[in-house]
C-alpha atoms as a PDB file:
ATOM      1  CA  MET A   1     -12.651  19.248   5.796  1.00  0.00           C
ATOM      2  CA  THR A   2      -9.230  20.368   4.072  1.00  0.00           C
ATOM      3  CA  THR A   3      -9.547  23.841   2.189  1.00  0.00           C
ATOM      4  CA  TYR A   4      -7.491  24.958  -0.402  1.00  0.00           C
ATOM      5  CA  TRP A   5      -5.885  28.455  -0.720  1.00  0.00           C
ATOM      6  CA  CYS A   6      -3.964  30.356  -2.972  1.00  0.00           C
ATOM      7  CA  ALA A   7      -1.649  32.916  -0.808  1.00  0.00           C
ATOM      8  CA  ASN A   8      -0.719  36.427  -2.315  1.00  0.00           C
ATOM      9  CA  PHE A   9       2.981  36.876  -1.506  1.00  0.00           C
ATOM     10  CA  ASP A  10       2.357  40.636  -3.114  1.00  0.00           C
ATOM     11  CA  ALA A  11       6.279  40.878  -3.694  1.00  0.00           C
ATOM     12  CA  GLN A  12       8.846  38.777  -4.374  1.00  0.00           C
ATOM     13  CA  ALA A  13      11.210  39.705  -1.026  1.00  0.00           C
ATOM     14  CA  CYS A  14       8.128  38.962   0.570  1.00  0.00           C
ATOM     15  CA  LEU A  15       8.138  35.505  -0.849  1.00  0.00           C
ATOM     16  CA  ASP A  16      11.757  34.868  -0.311  1.00  0.00           C
ATOM     17  CA  HIS A  17      11.618  35.373   3.304  1.00  0.00           C
ATOM     18  CA  GLY A  18       8.449  33.132   3.414  1.00  0.00           C
ATOM     19  CA  ILE A  19      10.110  30.304   1.799  1.00  0.00           C
ATOM     20  CA  GLU A  20      12.911  30.648   3.968  1.00  0.00           C
ATOM     21  CA  ASN A  21      11.049  30.287   7.056  1.00  0.00           C
ATOM     22  CA  ASN A  22       8.037  28.269   6.223  1.00  0.00           C
ATOM     23  CA  LEU A  23       5.466  30.942   6.709  1.00  0.00           C
ATOM     24  CA  TRP A  24       3.141  33.145   4.530  1.00  0.00           C
ATOM     25  CA  MET A  25       3.103  36.966   5.209  1.00  0.00           C
ATOM     26  CA  MET A  26      -0.030  39.052   4.785  1.00  0.00           C
ATOM     27  CA  GLN A  27       0.750  42.509   3.130  1.00  0.00           C
ATOM     28  CA  TYR A  28      -2.651  43.764   4.061  1.00  0.00           C
ATOM     29  CA  GLN A  29      -3.087  45.985   6.908  1.00  0.00           C
ATOM     30  CA  TYR A  30      -4.695  49.462   8.083  1.00  0.00           C
ATOM     31  CA  ALA A  31      -1.596  50.952   8.924  1.00  0.00           C
ATOM     32  CA  ASP A  32       2.192  50.379   9.074  1.00  0.00           C
ATOM     33  CA  ASP A  33       4.448  50.629  12.335  1.00  0.00           C
ATOM     34  CA  HIS A  34       4.927  54.270  11.783  1.00  0.00           C
ATOM     35  CA  GLY A  35       1.113  54.678  11.437  1.00  0.00           C
ATOM     36  CA  ASN A  36       0.942  55.384   7.926  1.00  0.00           C
ATOM     37  CA  GLU A  37      -2.489  54.155   6.190  1.00  0.00           C
ATOM     38  CA  HIS A  38      -1.941  52.355   3.055  1.00  0.00           C
ATOM     39  CA  GLN A  39      -3.739  54.120   0.253  1.00  0.00           C
ATOM     40  CA  SER A  40      -3.486  51.173  -2.055  1.00  0.00           C
ATOM     41  CA  TYR A  41      -6.157  49.164  -0.737  1.00  0.00           C
ATOM     42  CA  LYS A  42      -9.428  50.013   0.237  1.00  0.00           C
ATOM     43  CA  PRO A  43     -11.052  49.188   4.057  1.00  0.00           C
ATOM     44  CA  GLY A  44     -13.756  46.822   2.951  1.00  0.00           C
ATOM     45  CA  ARG A  45     -11.341  44.660   1.179  1.00  0.00           C
ATOM     46  CA  ILE A  46      -8.641  44.790   4.306  1.00  0.00           C
ATOM     47  CA  SER A  47     -11.166  44.113   6.442  1.00  0.00           C
ATOM     48  CA  ALA A  48     -12.110  41.013   4.484  1.00  0.00           C
ATOM     49  CA  ASN A  49      -8.689  39.642   4.292  1.00  0.00           C
ATOM     50  CA  TRP A  50      -8.056  40.209   8.152  1.00  0.00           C
ATOM     51  CA  ARG A  51     -11.833  37.903   8.328  1.00  0.00           C
ATOM     52  CA  GLN A  52     -10.711  35.308   5.757  1.00  0.00           C
ATOM     53  CA  MET A  53      -7.948  34.422   8.531  1.00  0.00           C
ATOM     54  CA  ALA A  54     -10.463  32.835  10.651  1.00  0.00           C
ATOM     55  CA  ASN A  55     -11.481  30.548   7.399  1.00  0.00           C
ATOM     56  CA  VAL A  56      -8.133  29.086   7.447  1.00  0.00           C
ATOM     57  CA  SER A  57      -7.503  25.693   9.830  1.00  0.00           C
ATOM     58  CA  PRO A  58      -4.772  23.332  10.294  1.00  0.00           C
ATOM     59  CA  GLY A  59      -4.066  20.785   7.829  1.00  0.00           C
ATOM     60  CA  ASP A  60      -5.533  23.256   5.204  1.00  0.00           C
ATOM     61  CA  TRP A  61      -3.064  23.359   2.169  1.00  0.00           C
ATOM     62  CA  PHE A  62      -1.328  26.723   0.810  1.00  0.00           C
ATOM     63  CA  VAL A  63      -0.339  28.025  -2.575  1.00  0.00           C
ATOM     64  CA  ALA A  64       2.346  30.352  -2.834  1.00  0.00           C
ATOM     65  CA  TYR A  65       2.157  32.995  -5.514  1.00  0.00           C
ATOM     66  CA  VAL A  66       3.431  36.587  -6.292  1.00  0.00           C
ATOM     67  CA  PRO A  67       0.893  38.517  -8.638  1.00  0.00           C
ATOM     68  CA  ARG A  68       2.441  39.513 -12.208  1.00  0.00           C
ATOM     69  CA  LYS A  69      -0.647  40.062 -13.977  1.00  0.00           C
ATOM     70  CA  ARG A  70      -4.252  40.989 -13.026  1.00  0.00           C
ATOM     71  CA  SER A  71      -5.398  37.324 -13.648  1.00  0.00           C
ATOM     72  CA  ILE A  72      -4.642  34.608 -11.639  1.00  0.00           C
ATOM     73  CA  SER A  73      -3.730  32.482 -14.428  1.00  0.00           C
ATOM     74  CA  GLY A  74      -1.031  34.882 -15.765  1.00  0.00           C
ATOM     75  CA  ASN A  75       0.654  34.431 -11.942  1.00  0.00           C
ATOM     76  CA  PRO A  76       3.498  32.496 -11.151  1.00  0.00           C
ATOM     77  CA  PHE A  77       3.344  29.408  -8.706  1.00  0.00           C
ATOM     78  CA  TYR A  78       6.248  28.785  -6.505  1.00  0.00           C
ATOM     79  CA  ALA A  79       5.413  25.780  -3.816  1.00  0.00           C
ATOM     80  CA  ILE A  80       2.789  24.511  -1.642  1.00  0.00           C
ATOM     81  CA  GLY A  81       2.815  24.435   2.611  1.00  0.00           C
ATOM     82  CA  LYS A  82       0.634  22.438   4.841  1.00  0.00           C
ATOM     83  CA  VAL A  83      -0.663  25.185   7.292  1.00  0.00           C
ATOM     84  CA  ARG A  84      -0.283  24.569  10.928  1.00  0.00           C
ATOM     85  CA  THR A  85      -0.731  26.169  14.402  1.00  0.00           C
ATOM     86  CA  PRO A  86       1.778  28.957  15.298  1.00  0.00           C
ATOM     87  CA  ARG A  87       5.376  27.061  15.219  1.00  0.00           C
ATOM     88  CA  ARG A  88       5.992  28.819  18.419  1.00  0.00           C
ATOM     89  CA  PRO A  89       2.856  28.113  21.346  1.00  0.00           C
ATOM     90  CA  ARG A  90       1.505  31.326  22.661  1.00  0.00           C
ATOM     91  CA  THR A  91       2.426  31.715  26.383  1.00  0.00           C
ATOM     92  CA  ALA A  92       1.244  33.895  29.532  1.00  0.00           C
ATOM     93  CA  ASN A  93       3.244  36.616  28.166  1.00  0.00           C
ATOM     94  CA  ASP A  94       1.660  37.361  24.760  1.00  0.00           C
ATOM     95  CA  VAL A  95      -0.777  39.762  23.938  1.00  0.00           C
ATOM     96  CA  SER A  96      -4.394  38.088  22.595  1.00  0.00           C
ATOM     97  CA  ASN A  97      -6.751  39.789  20.341  1.00  0.00           C
ATOM     98  CA  LYS A  98      -9.678  38.980  18.222  1.00  0.00           C
ATOM     99  CA  ILE A  99      -9.646  40.277  14.669  1.00  0.00           C
ATOM    100  CA  GLU A 100     -12.851  42.109  15.077  1.00  0.00           C
ATOM    101  CA  GLU A 101     -11.643  43.905  17.663  1.00  0.00           C
ATOM    102  CA  TYR A 102      -8.550  44.609  15.435  1.00  0.00           C
ATOM    103  CA  LEU A 103     -10.670  46.053  12.811  1.00  0.00           C
ATOM    104  CA  ALA A 104     -12.668  48.178  15.220  1.00  0.00           C
ATOM    105  CA  GLU A 105      -9.707  49.940  15.895  1.00  0.00           C
ATOM    106  CA  ARG A 106      -8.476  50.247  12.131  1.00  0.00           C
ATOM    107  CA  ARG A 107      -5.192  50.917  13.200  1.00  0.00           C
ATOM    108  CA  SER A 108      -1.511  49.147  13.974  1.00  0.00           C
ATOM    109  CA  HIS A 109      -1.162  48.057  17.181  1.00  0.00           C
ATOM    110  CA  ASP A 110       0.902  50.103  19.505  1.00  0.00           C
ATOM    111  CA  GLN A 111       3.407  47.810  20.458  1.00  0.00           C
ATOM    112  CA  LYS A 112       6.587  47.316  18.761  1.00  0.00           C
ATOM    113  CA  HIS A 113       7.876  44.216  19.918  1.00  0.00           C
ATOM    114  CA  GLY A 114       6.335  40.723  21.170  1.00  0.00           C
ATOM    115  CA  TYR A 115       3.843  38.205  19.442  1.00  0.00           C
ATOM    116  CA  VAL A 116      -0.039  38.733  19.143  1.00  0.00           C
ATOM    117  CA  TYR A 117      -2.425  35.694  19.020  1.00  0.00           C
ATOM    118  CA  TYR A 118      -6.019  35.853  17.902  1.00  0.00           C
ATOM    119  CA  THR A 119      -8.738  33.758  19.934  1.00  0.00           C
ATOM    120  CA  ASP A 120     -10.952  33.457  16.953  1.00  0.00           C
ATOM    121  CA  ALA A 121      -8.234  32.523  14.212  1.00  0.00           C
ATOM    122  CA  ARG A 122      -6.415  29.059  14.903  1.00  0.00           C
ATOM    123  CA  VAL A 123      -3.286  29.568  12.610  1.00  0.00           C
ATOM    124  CA  PHE A 124      -3.256  33.566  12.541  1.00  0.00           C
ATOM    125  CA  TYR A 125      -0.449  35.660  15.110  1.00  0.00           C
ATOM    126  CA  GLU A 126       1.996  38.641  14.492  1.00  0.00           C
ATOM    127  CA  ASN A 127       5.366  38.725  14.861  1.00  0.00           C
ATOM    128  CA  PHE A 128       6.814  42.007  15.671  1.00  0.00           C
ATOM    129  CA  ASP A 129      10.306  40.614  16.697  1.00  0.00           C
ATOM    130  CA  ASP A 130      10.689  39.398  13.008  1.00  0.00           C
ATOM    131  CA  LYS A 131      13.143  42.121  12.030  1.00  0.00           C
ATOM    132  CA  TRP A 132      12.821  41.471   8.188  1.00  0.00           C
ATOM    133  CA  ILE A 133      12.330  44.601   6.241  1.00  0.00           C
ATOM    134  CA  ASP A 134      11.220  44.978   2.776  1.00  0.00           C
ATOM    135  CA  PRO A 135      13.909  46.168   0.854  1.00  0.00           C
ATOM    136  CA  GLU A 136      12.416  48.160  -1.229  1.00  0.00           C
ATOM    137  CA  ASP A 137      10.716  49.779   1.368  1.00  0.00           C
ATOM    138  CA  ASP A 138      12.720  50.943   4.525  1.00  0.00           C
ATOM    139  CA  ASN A 139       9.715  51.985   6.624  1.00  0.00           C
ATOM    140  CA  SER A 140       7.545  48.848   6.136  1.00  0.00           C
ATOM    141  CA  ARG A 141       7.874  45.589   8.437  1.00  0.00           C
ATOM    142  CA  TYR A 142       4.738  43.035   8.167  1.00  0.00           C
ATOM    143  CA  ALA A 143       4.214  41.083  11.072  1.00  0.00           C
ATOM    144  CA  GLN A 144       1.125  39.351   9.869  1.00  0.00           C
ATOM    145  CA  ARG A 145       1.931  35.580  10.038  1.00  0.00           C
ATOM    146  CA  ILE A 146       0.490  32.236   9.013  1.00  0.00           C
ATOM    147  CA  ASP A 147       3.184  29.270   9.740  1.00  0.00           C
ATOM    148  CA  VAL A 148       3.213  25.720   7.419  1.00  0.00           C
ATOM    149  CA  GLU A 149       4.945  22.817   7.914  1.00  0.00           C
ATOM    150  CA  LYS A 150       7.449  23.399   4.783  1.00  0.00           C
ATOM    151  CA  TRP A 151       7.254  24.717   1.941  1.00  0.00           C
ATOM    152  CA  GLU A 152       7.419  21.842  -0.553  1.00  0.00           C
ATOM    153  CA  LEU A 153       8.124  21.532  -4.193  1.00  0.00           C
ATOM    154  CA  TYR A 154      10.101  25.044  -4.356  1.00  0.00           C
ATOM    155  CA  ALA A 155      10.189  26.196  -8.121  1.00  0.00           C
ATOM    156  CA  PRO A 156      12.234  29.311  -7.998  1.00  0.00           C
ATOM    157  CA  ASP A 157      10.954  30.383 -11.489  1.00  0.00           C
ATOM    158  CA  GLY A 158       7.419  29.653 -10.412  1.00  0.00           C
ATOM    159  CA  VAL A 159       4.945  27.588 -12.827  1.00  0.00           C
ATOM    160  CA  TRP A 160       2.113  28.683 -14.452  1.00  0.00           C
ATOM    161  CA  VAL A 161      -1.352  26.302 -14.633  1.00  0.00           C
ATOM    162  CA  ALA A 162      -4.434  26.988 -16.952  1.00  0.00           C
ATOM    163  CA  GLY A 163      -7.522  26.541 -15.442  1.00  0.00           C
ATOM    164  CA  ALA A 164      -7.402  29.642 -12.906  1.00  0.00           C
ATOM    165  CA  GLU A 165     -10.935  30.809 -14.845  1.00  0.00           C
ATOM    166  CA  ILE A 166     -13.073  28.737 -12.829  1.00  0.00           C
ATOM    167  CA  THR A 167     -12.133  30.715  -9.564  1.00  0.00           C
ATOM    168  CA  GLN A 168     -14.802  34.004  -9.410  1.00  0.00           C
ATOM    169  CA  ARG A 169     -12.452  36.649 -10.075  1.00  0.00           C
ATOM    170  CA  LYS A 170     -14.063  38.431  -7.183  1.00  0.00           C
ATOM    171  CA  LYS A 171     -12.200  36.222  -4.771  1.00  0.00           C
ATOM    172  CA  THR A 172      -8.663  36.584  -6.433  1.00  0.00           C
ATOM    173  CA  VAL A 173      -8.300  40.209  -5.311  1.00  0.00           C
ATOM    174  CA  TYR A 174      -7.720  38.929  -1.463  1.00  0.00           C
ATOM    175  CA  ALA A 175      -4.803  38.119   0.078  1.00  0.00           C
ATOM    176  CA  VAL A 176      -5.750  34.366   0.451  1.00  0.00           C
ATOM    177  CA  PHE A 177      -8.389  32.980  -1.505  1.00  0.00           C
ATOM    178  CA  GLU A 178     -10.125  29.198  -2.107  1.00  0.00           C
ATOM    179  CA  ILE A 179      -9.587  27.137  -5.046  1.00  0.00           C
ATOM    180  CA  GLY A 180     -10.714  23.865  -5.598  1.00  0.00           C
ATOM    181  CA  LYS A 181      -9.050  20.322  -5.117  1.00  0.00           C
ATOM    182  CA  ASP A 182      -8.605  19.762  -9.016  1.00  0.00           C
ATOM    183  CA  TYR A 183      -7.055  22.878  -9.230  1.00  0.00           C
ATOM    184  CA  PHE A 184      -4.391  22.601  -6.596  1.00  0.00           C
ATOM    185  CA  GLU A 185      -3.759  18.979  -7.659  1.00  0.00           C
ATOM    186  CA  ALA A 186      -2.752  20.687 -11.226  1.00  0.00           C
ATOM    187  CA  ILE A 187      -0.492  23.228  -9.611  1.00  0.00           C
ATOM    188  CA  ARG A 188       1.246  20.216  -7.487  1.00  0.00           C
ATOM    189  CA  GLU A 189       1.637  18.237 -10.592  1.00  0.00           C
ATOM    190  CA  LYS A 190       3.222  21.215 -12.264  1.00  0.00           C
ATOM    191  CA  LEU A 191       5.467  21.925  -9.442  1.00  0.00           C
ATOM    192  CA  THR A 192       6.243  18.394  -9.254  1.00  0.00           C
ATOM    193  CA  SER A 193       7.601  18.113 -12.886  1.00  0.00           C
ATOM    194  CA  ALA A 194       9.203  21.451 -12.340  1.00  0.00           C
ATOM    195  CA  LYS A 195      11.031  20.576  -9.049  1.00  0.00           C
ATOM    196  CA  MET A 196      12.231  17.498 -11.352  1.00  0.00           C
ATOM    197  CA  VAL A 197      13.726  20.287 -14.030  1.00  0.00           C
ATOM    198  CA  PHE A 198      14.958  22.434 -11.429  1.00  0.00           C
ATOM    199  CA  SER A 199      16.862  19.990  -9.259  1.00  0.00           C
ATOM    200  CA  ASN A 200      18.093  18.362 -12.374  1.00  0.00           C
ATOM    201  CA  ASP A 201      20.375  15.984 -10.133  1.00  0.00           C
ATOM    202  CA  ASP A 202      20.845  13.263 -12.529  1.00  0.00           C
ATOM    203  CA  VAL A 203      22.215  15.749 -14.991  1.00  0.00           C
ATOM    204  CA  ALA A 204      24.258  17.338 -12.071  1.00  0.00           C
ATOM    205  CA  GLN A 205      25.797  13.613 -11.340  1.00  0.00           C
ATOM    206  CA  THR A 206      26.574  12.591 -14.626  1.00  0.00           C
ATOM    207  CA  VAL A 207      28.315  16.206 -14.975  1.00  0.00           C
ATOM    208  CA  GLU A 208      30.423  15.572 -11.981  1.00  0.00           C
ATOM    209  CA  LYS A 209      31.406  11.988 -12.936  1.00  0.00           C
ATOM    210  CA  THR A 210      32.698  13.373 -16.343  1.00  0.00           C
ATOM    211  CA  GLN A 211      34.888  16.110 -14.465  1.00  0.00           C
ATOM    212  CA  ALA A 212      36.327  14.042 -12.085  1.00  0.00           C
ATOM    213  CA  LYS A 213      37.066  11.194 -14.360  1.00  0.00           C
ATOM    214  CA  ARG A 214      39.087  13.959 -16.884  1.00  0.00           C
ATOM    215  CA  GLN A 215      41.094  15.011 -13.808  1.00  0.00           C
ATOM    216  CA  GLY A 216      41.832  10.865 -12.986  1.00  0.00           C
ATOM    217  CA  PHE A 217      39.190  10.224 -10.091  1.00  0.00           C
ATOM    218  CA  LEU A 218      36.497   8.040 -10.015  1.00  0.00           C
ATOM    219  CA  LEU A 219      32.725   9.271  -8.683  1.00  0.00           C
ATOM    220  CA  ASP A 220      29.864   7.095  -7.015  1.00  0.00           C
ATOM    221  CA  SER A 221      26.971   8.461  -5.724  1.00  0.00           C
ATOM    222  CA  LYS A 222      28.473   7.492  -1.994  1.00  0.00           C
ATOM    223  CA  LEU A 223      31.766   9.258  -2.644  1.00  0.00           C
ATOM    224  CA  ARG A 224      29.387  12.195  -3.879  1.00  0.00           C
ATOM    225  CA  LYS A 225      27.611  12.407  -0.876  1.00  0.00           C
ATOM    226  CA  ALA A 226      30.739  12.138   1.446  1.00  0.00           C
ATOM    227  CA  LEU A 227      32.383  15.135  -0.528  1.00  0.00           C
ATOM    228  CA  GLU A 228      29.075  17.267   0.311  1.00  0.00           C
ATOM    229  CA  GLU A 229      29.154  16.524   3.950  1.00  0.00           C
ATOM    230  CA  TYR A 230      32.994  16.854   3.926  1.00  0.00           C
ATOM    231  CA  ALA A 231      32.593  20.348   2.222  1.00  0.00           C
ATOM    232  CA  MET A 232      29.823  21.507   4.201  1.00  0.00           C
ATOM    233  CA  ASP A 233      31.636  20.824   7.441  1.00  0.00           C
ATOM    234  CA  ALA A 234      34.326  22.832   6.236  1.00  0.00           C
ATOM    235  CA  ALA A 235      32.024  25.445   4.961  1.00  0.00           C
ATOM    236  CA  LYS A 236      30.153  25.753   8.599  1.00  0.00           C
ATOM    237  CA  ARG A 237      33.623  26.191  10.361  1.00  0.00           C
ATOM    238  CA  TYR A 238      34.910  28.999   8.261  1.00  0.00           C
ATOM    239  CA  PHE A 239      31.556  30.911   8.613  1.00  0.00           C
ATOM    240  CA  LYS A 240      31.071  30.353  12.215  1.00  0.00           C
ATOM    241  CA  SER A 241      34.944  31.356  12.654  1.00  0.00           C
ATOM    242  CA  LEU A 242      33.930  34.836  10.673  1.00  0.00           C
ATOM    243  CA  GLY A 243      31.338  35.166  13.906  1.00  0.00           C
ATOM    244  CA  TYR A 244      27.672  34.145  11.668  1.00  0.00           C
ATOM    245  CA  VAL A 245      25.423  32.076  13.383  1.00  0.00           C
ATOM    246  CA  VAL A 246      25.155  29.251  10.484  1.00  0.00           C
ATOM    247  CA  GLU A 247      21.881  27.432   9.826  1.00  0.00           C
ATOM    248  CA  ASP A 248      21.503  24.272   7.497  1.00  0.00           C
ATOM    249  CA  HIS A 249      19.126  25.119   4.837  1.00  0.00           C
ATOM    250  CA  SER A 250      20.412  22.307   2.421  1.00  0.00           C
ATOM    251  CA  GLN A 251      16.658  20.438   2.555  1.00  0.00           C
ATOM    252  CA  GLY A 252      13.826  22.225   0.248  1.00  0.00           C
ATOM    253  CA  HIS A 253      16.098  25.597  -0.490  1.00  0.00           C
ATOM    254  CA  PRO A 254      18.229  26.267  -3.433  1.00  0.00           C
ATOM    255  CA  TYR A 255      21.213  26.965  -1.364  1.00  0.00           C
ATOM    256  CA  ASP A 256      23.027  25.165   1.763  1.00  0.00           C
ATOM    257  CA  PHE A 257      23.562  28.239   4.471  1.00  0.00           C
ATOM    258  CA  LEU A 258      21.782  30.550   5.669  1.00  0.00           C
ATOM    259  CA  CYS A 259      24.289  32.681   7.873  1.00  0.00           C
ATOM    260  CA  THR A 260      23.624  35.525   9.940  1.00  0.00           C
ATOM    261  CA  ARG A 261      25.468  37.946  12.063  1.00  0.00           C
ATOM    262  CA  LYS A 262      23.424  40.845  13.552  1.00  0.00           C
ATOM    263  CA  THR A 263      21.568  42.466  10.749  1.00  0.00           C
ATOM    264  CA  LYS A 264      23.664  40.730   8.181  1.00  0.00           C
ATOM    265  CA  ARG A 265      22.399  37.537   6.169  1.00  0.00           C
ATOM    266  CA  LEU A 266      24.217  35.789   3.742  1.00  0.00           C
ATOM    267  CA  TYR A 267      23.136  32.717   1.780  1.00  0.00           C
ATOM    268  CA  VAL A 268      25.710  30.217   1.168  1.00  0.00           C
ATOM    269  CA  GLU A 269      26.062  27.747  -1.656  1.00  0.00           C
ATOM    270  CA  VAL A 270      28.597  24.829  -1.166  1.00  0.00           C
ATOM    271  CA  LYS A 271      30.799  22.609  -3.271  1.00  0.00           C
ATOM    272  CA  GLY A 272      32.889  19.753  -2.295  1.00  0.00           C
ATOM    273  CA  THR A 273      35.102  17.994  -4.858  1.00  0.00           C
ATOM    274  CA  GLN A 274      38.476  15.925  -5.575  1.00  0.00           C
ATOM    275  CA  THR A 275      39.124  17.984  -8.816  1.00  0.00           C
ATOM    276  CA  ASN A 276      40.972  21.335  -8.609  1.00  0.00           C
ATOM    277  CA  GLY A 277      37.396  23.048  -8.056  1.00  0.00           C
ATOM    278  CA  GLU A 278      38.199  25.460 -11.374  1.00  0.00           C
ATOM    279  CA  GLY A 279      34.483  24.446 -12.361  1.00  0.00           C
ATOM    280  CA  ILE A 280      31.404  23.286 -10.484  1.00  0.00           C
ATOM    281  CA  VAL A 281      28.098  22.054 -11.198  1.00  0.00           C
ATOM    282  CA  LEU A 282      24.982  24.227 -10.655  1.00  0.00           C
ATOM    283  CA  THR A 283      21.249  23.262 -11.165  1.00  0.00           C
ATOM    284  CA  SER A 284      18.913  25.767 -12.982  1.00  0.00           C
ATOM    285  CA  GLY A 285      17.520  26.449  -9.514  1.00  0.00           C
ATOM    286  CA  GLU A 286      20.607  27.369  -7.831  1.00  0.00           C
ATOM    287  CA  VAL A 287      21.675  30.121 -10.356  1.00  0.00           C
ATOM    288  CA  GLU A 288      17.930  31.636 -10.333  1.00  0.00           C
ATOM    289  CA  PHE A 289      18.401  31.947  -6.734  1.00  0.00           C
ATOM    290  CA  ALA A 290      22.013  33.677  -6.995  1.00  0.00           C
ATOM    291  CA  ARG A 291      21.197  35.864  -9.769  1.00  0.00           C
ATOM    292  CA  ARG A 292      17.963  37.358  -7.381  1.00  0.00           C
ATOM    293  CA  HIS A 293      20.426  37.490  -3.914  1.00  0.00           C
ATOM    294  CA  LYS A 294      23.876  38.316  -5.496  1.00  0.00           C
ATOM    295  CA  GLU A 295      24.689  40.879  -3.072  1.00  0.00           C
ATOM    296  CA  GLN A 296      23.779  38.543  -0.196  1.00  0.00           C
ATOM    297  CA  MET A 297      25.315  35.399  -1.683  1.00  0.00           C
ATOM    298  CA  ALA A 298      28.396  33.668  -1.066  1.00  0.00           C
ATOM    299  CA  LEU A 299      30.600  30.724  -2.788  1.00  0.00           C
ATOM    300  CA  PHE A 300      32.255  27.862  -0.645  1.00  0.00           C
ATOM    301  CA  ILE A 301      34.411  25.618  -2.688  1.00  0.00           C
ATOM    302  CA  ARG A 302      35.964  22.847  -0.642  1.00  0.00           C
ATOM    303  CA  HIS A 303      38.615  21.556  -3.529  1.00  0.00           C
ATOM    304  CA  SER A 304      41.300  19.140  -4.316  1.00  0.00           C
ATOM    305  CA  ILE A 305      40.061  16.578  -1.140  1.00  0.00           C
ATOM    306  CA  LYS A 306      41.929  14.053  -0.568  1.00  0.00           C
ATOM    307  CA  VAL A 307      40.033  10.452  -0.792  1.00  0.00           C
ATOM    308  CA  SER A 308      42.045   6.985   0.357  1.00  0.00           C
ATOM    309  CA  ALA A 309      40.277   3.899   1.391  1.00  0.00           C
ATOM    310  CA  GLY A 310      37.126   5.727   1.514  1.00  0.00           C
ATOM    311  CA  VAL A 311      38.439   8.172   4.369  1.00  0.00           C
ATOM    312  CA  LEU A 312      38.455  12.037   3.359  1.00  0.00           C
ATOM    313  CA  SER A 313      41.309  14.259   3.904  1.00  0.00           C
ATOM    314  CA  ASN A 314      42.825  17.555   3.580  1.00  0.00           C
ATOM    315  CA  GLY A 315      41.475  20.317   0.526  1.00  0.00           C
ATOM    316  CA  GLU A 316      41.422  23.491  -0.115  1.00  0.00           C
ATOM    317  CA  ASN A 317      38.889  26.187   0.520  1.00  0.00           C
ATOM    318  CA  ARG A 318      38.345  28.948  -2.014  1.00  0.00           C
ATOM    319  CA  VAL A 319      35.574  31.528  -1.315  1.00  0.00           C
ATOM    320  CA  ILE A 320      33.617  34.382  -2.952  1.00  0.00           C
ATOM    321  CA  CYS A 321      31.873  36.844  -1.579  1.00  0.00           C
ATOM    322  CA  PRO A 322      30.055  38.322  -2.667  1.00  0.00           C
ATOM    323  CA  TRP A 323      29.410  35.941  -5.570  1.00  0.00           C
ATOM    324  CA  ASP A 324      27.920  37.082  -8.579  1.00  0.00           C
ATOM    325  CA  VAL A 325      27.343  33.993 -10.873  1.00  0.00           C
ATOM    326  CA  ASP A 326      26.820  36.043 -13.784  1.00  0.00           C
ATOM    327  CA  ARG A 327      30.693  36.835 -13.520  1.00  0.00           C
ATOM    328  CA  GLY A 328      32.038  33.468 -14.502  1.00  0.00           C
ATOM    329  CA  ILE A 329      30.985  31.642 -17.784  1.00  0.00           C
ATOM    330  CA  LEU A 330      27.650  29.535 -17.452  1.00  0.00           C
ATOM    331  CA  LYS A 331      27.299  26.738 -19.912  1.00  0.00           C
ATOM    332  CA  PRO A 332      24.110  25.452 -20.216  1.00  0.00           C
ATOM    333  CA  ILE A 333      23.851  21.166 -19.651  1.00  0.00           C
ATOM    334  CA  SER A 334      20.170  20.203 -20.824  1.00  0.00           C
ATOM    335  CA  TYR A 335      16.931  22.657 -21.661  1.00  0.00           C
ATOM    336  CA  TRP A 336      13.542  21.523 -20.547  1.00  0.00           C
ATOM    337  CA  TYR A 337      11.110  22.005 -23.303  1.00  0.00           C
ATOM    338  CA  GLU A 338       7.239  22.177 -23.488  1.00  0.00           C
ATOM    339  CA  LEU A 339       5.298  21.769 -26.507  1.00  0.00           C
ATOM    340  CA  PRO A 340       2.994  24.561 -27.867  1.00  0.00           C
ATOM    341  CA  ASN A 341      -0.668  24.037 -27.159  1.00  0.00           C
ATOM    342  CA  GLY A 342      -1.842  22.016 -29.654  1.00  0.00           C
ATOM    343  CA  ALA A 343       1.000  21.131 -31.193  1.00  0.00           C
ATOM    344  CA  GLY A 344       1.375  17.409 -33.287  1.00  0.00           C
END
């Protein structure tokens, strides 16, 4: 039987990391890696959060949210994801434990590296090799994980869905709490609508065609795709030449590449065009993500690409790094308007 859960990411930085890596991180533990006990959560509630992990099963659905207000209905939902067993299978060298044994110790593990798998929780594990650190707390690293197949319908601005009052308040204080299928479907529907707005692909294509036509070029969907792929290849070569490991995140994320070099992380937005590249089209999702990560963003434009008999060649690179999207001029293309309740 499928169960539906709201999964609390606790902070925006945690959400960003989870969305990028298709996982959820639990921020509720007795102590951090330095042995400092968390004072903001009562031990009984923390124990309940850990025990809840044993109730989550493969095939269940998570709704990702970040708390903004005490009422769950005042909090934005960002994506949905189907729960799976740990993406990295357990090996003979990995540590195994039981949740109740961990709770009895009421402290973090002595180890600083490797994985811990819980025999009484099929989907729950800890990854101490993830070097991600909460930017707001240099002493914290959260190892607790549940993987999802893929975060779907990601809306960078989040959506709000009425009806959460049907969920008992005493449940919503926990890291993961169960919701009904009807409420889950309402969230899915709202995220689907938001995804259409954030992607804004039809509007983007129309504007790109107009921009190209003004400079004497014709642009159809096939050529648009070819230009994107041509630019992506150029961007990959460019960042690899700088020593980065380049991962393609263009599907399901509001940016195209995640580039890493030692501890440095760079999110890259890639655009390809036949025009002179003086202006590009950005979706609202791309803009919002770029604003939140301006110190880690890069814009790569392959412009002045030549097209002859369907063959692409030449072109010039323009790279802005770091890229602060607000240093240029953003012109609104369209707006999504939701009518007030009871209007009309």
